[in-house]
Amino acid sequence: MRANIRIKIAHTYLDGQTAPEPVANGDTGYCGNIVLEDGTIFTCTYGRFGDTYQNQEGKSALRTYIASRRINLAVTDRLAAK
């Protein structure tokens, strides 16, 4: 039996955030979602995930990343049942 669940893949940060908070940067997108033959979901996204650097103006800025995840639904179902 499949559970109706939501999976948060990553937290995107607003400028000045140093830890996940209820409000996040909305500039992200899931540009690819594939279900493999074994039922594993492969997804990729982009966003600003918390690492900072000094930009050309000398200000701290968030780096933009591309991230991917594999989600095995059998494992997810077992975790959701706990």
C-alpha atoms as a PDB file:
ATOM      1  CA  MET A   1       0.000   0.000   0.000  1.00  0.00           C
ATOM      2  CA  ARG A   2       1.419   3.381  -0.981  1.00  0.00           C
ATOM      3  CA  ALA A   3       1.390   6.186   1.527  1.00  0.00           C
ATOM      4  CA  ASN A   4       0.507   9.696   0.460  1.00  0.00           C
ATOM      5  CA  ILE A   5       3.649  11.564   1.436  1.00  0.00           C
ATOM      6  CA  ARG A   6       5.694  14.584   0.423  1.00  0.00           C
ATOM      7  CA  ILE A   7       9.458  14.456   0.260  1.00  0.00           C
ATOM      8  CA  LYS A   8      11.506  17.599   0.743  1.00  0.00           C
ATOM      9  CA  ILE A   9      14.639  17.090  -1.325  1.00  0.00           C
ATOM     10  CA  ALA A  10      16.569  20.146  -0.178  1.00  0.00           C
ATOM     11  CA  HIS A  11      16.103  23.511   1.509  1.00  0.00           C
ATOM     12  CA  THR A  12      16.853  26.651  -0.450  1.00  0.00           C
ATOM     13  CA  TYR A  13      17.990  29.656   1.541  1.00  0.00           C
ATOM     14  CA  LEU A  14      17.094  33.321   1.513  1.00  0.00           C
ATOM     15  CA  ASP A  15      19.919  35.845   1.830  1.00  0.00           C
ATOM     16  CA  GLY A  16      20.965  35.968   5.474  1.00  0.00           C
ATOM     17  CA  GLN A  17      19.571  32.540   6.411  1.00  0.00           C
ATOM     18  CA  THR A  18      22.063  30.125   7.929  1.00  0.00           C
ATOM     19  CA  ALA A  19      19.692  27.271   8.839  1.00  0.00           C
ATOM     20  CA  PRO A  20      16.447  25.896   7.386  1.00  0.00           C
ATOM     21  CA  GLU A  21      13.421  28.024   8.284  1.00  0.00           C
ATOM     22  CA  PRO A  22       9.721  27.805   7.315  1.00  0.00           C
ATOM     23  CA  VAL A  23      10.236  30.489   4.652  1.00  0.00           C
ATOM     24  CA  ALA A  24      12.612  29.518   1.854  1.00  0.00           C
ATOM     25  CA  ASN A  25      13.900  30.926  -1.415  1.00  0.00           C
ATOM     26  CA  GLY A  26      11.356  30.123  -4.120  1.00  0.00           C
ATOM     27  CA  ASP A  27      13.917  30.327  -6.942  1.00  0.00           C
ATOM     28  CA  THR A  28      14.253  26.618  -7.544  1.00  0.00           C
ATOM     29  CA  GLY A  29      12.796  24.161  -9.986  1.00  0.00           C
ATOM     30  CA  TYR A  30      12.613  20.477 -10.679  1.00  0.00           C
ATOM     31  CA  CYS A  31      13.884  20.299 -14.218  1.00  0.00           C
ATOM     32  CA  GLY A  32      13.861  16.527 -14.540  1.00  0.00           C
ATOM     33  CA  ASN A  33      11.927  13.700 -12.921  1.00  0.00           C
ATOM     34  CA  ILE A  34      12.382  10.146 -14.159  1.00  0.00           C
ATOM     35  CA  VAL A  35      10.912   6.906 -12.798  1.00  0.00           C
ATOM     36  CA  LEU A  36      13.338   4.045 -13.433  1.00  0.00           C
ATOM     37  CA  GLU A  37      12.241   0.482 -14.192  1.00  0.00           C
ATOM     38  CA  ASP A  38      12.751  -0.614 -10.569  1.00  0.00           C
ATOM     39  CA  GLY A  39      10.459   2.194  -9.337  1.00  0.00           C
ATOM     40  CA  THR A  40      13.278   4.458  -8.191  1.00  0.00           C
ATOM     41  CA  ILE A  41      12.609   8.132  -8.837  1.00  0.00           C
ATOM     42  CA  PHE A  42      15.541  10.181 -10.113  1.00  0.00           C
ATOM     43  CA  THR A  43      15.076  13.927  -9.811  1.00  0.00           C
ATOM     44  CA  CYS A  44      17.283  16.962 -10.242  1.00  0.00           C
ATOM     45  CA  THR A  45      16.845  20.552  -9.215  1.00  0.00           C
ATOM     46  CA  TYR A  46      18.722  23.808  -8.889  1.00  0.00           C
ATOM     47  CA  GLY A  47      18.736  26.332  -6.087  1.00  0.00           C
ATOM     48  CA  ARG A  48      20.721  28.216  -3.489  1.00  0.00           C
ATOM     49  CA  PHE A  49      21.441  25.649  -0.787  1.00  0.00           C
ATOM     50  CA  GLY A  50      23.362  27.588   1.836  1.00  0.00           C
ATOM     51  CA  ASP A  51      27.064  27.731   0.928  1.00  0.00           C
ATOM     52  CA  THR A  52      28.336  31.319   0.630  1.00  0.00           C
ATOM     53  CA  TYR A  53      31.182  33.075  -1.131  1.00  0.00           C
ATOM     54  CA  GLN A  54      32.430  36.656  -1.482  1.00  0.00           C
ATOM     55  CA  ASN A  55      31.079  38.219  -4.683  1.00  0.00           C
ATOM     56  CA  GLN A  56      32.835  40.890  -6.781  1.00  0.00           C
ATOM     57  CA  GLU A  57      31.452  43.653  -4.554  1.00  0.00           C
ATOM     58  CA  GLY A  58      32.946  41.925  -1.487  1.00  0.00           C
ATOM     59  CA  LYS A  59      29.535  40.919  -0.164  1.00  0.00           C
ATOM     60  CA  SER A  60      28.610  37.454   1.025  1.00  0.00           C
ATOM     61  CA  ALA A  61      26.379  35.708  -1.528  1.00  0.00           C
ATOM     62  CA  LEU A  62      24.778  32.285  -1.776  1.00  0.00           C
ATOM     63  CA  ARG A  63      26.108  29.790  -4.317  1.00  0.00           C
ATOM     64  CA  THR A  64      23.710  28.231  -6.823  1.00  0.00           C
ATOM     65  CA  TYR A  65      23.871  24.448  -7.157  1.00  0.00           C
ATOM     66  CA  ILE A  66      22.461  21.682  -9.279  1.00  0.00           C
ATOM     67  CA  ALA A  67      21.495  18.721  -7.103  1.00  0.00           C
ATOM     68  CA  SER A  68      20.093  15.291  -7.877  1.00  0.00           C
ATOM     69  CA  ARG A  69      18.488  12.600  -5.734  1.00  0.00           C
ATOM     70  CA  ARG A  70      17.437   8.981  -6.136  1.00  0.00           C
ATOM     71  CA  ILE A  71      14.340   8.040  -4.159  1.00  0.00           C
ATOM     72  CA  ASN A  72      13.498   4.354  -3.801  1.00  0.00           C
ATOM     73  CA  LEU A  73       9.749   4.082  -3.175  1.00  0.00           C
ATOM     74  CA  ALA A  74      10.024   0.698  -1.424  1.00  0.00           C
ATOM     75  CA  VAL A  75      12.382   2.237   1.146  1.00  0.00           C
ATOM     76  CA  THR A  76      10.204   5.353   1.408  1.00  0.00           C
ATOM     77  CA  ASP A  77       7.100   3.215   2.046  1.00  0.00           C
ATOM     78  CA  ARG A  78       8.894   1.327   4.829  1.00  0.00           C
ATOM     79  CA  LEU A  79      10.032   4.581   6.451  1.00  0.00           C
ATOM     80  CA  ALA A  80       6.540   6.096   6.190  1.00  0.00           C
ATOM     81  CA  ALA A  81       5.044   3.018   7.909  1.00  0.00           C
ATOM     82  CA  LYS A  82       7.182   3.542  11.047  1.00  0.00           C
END
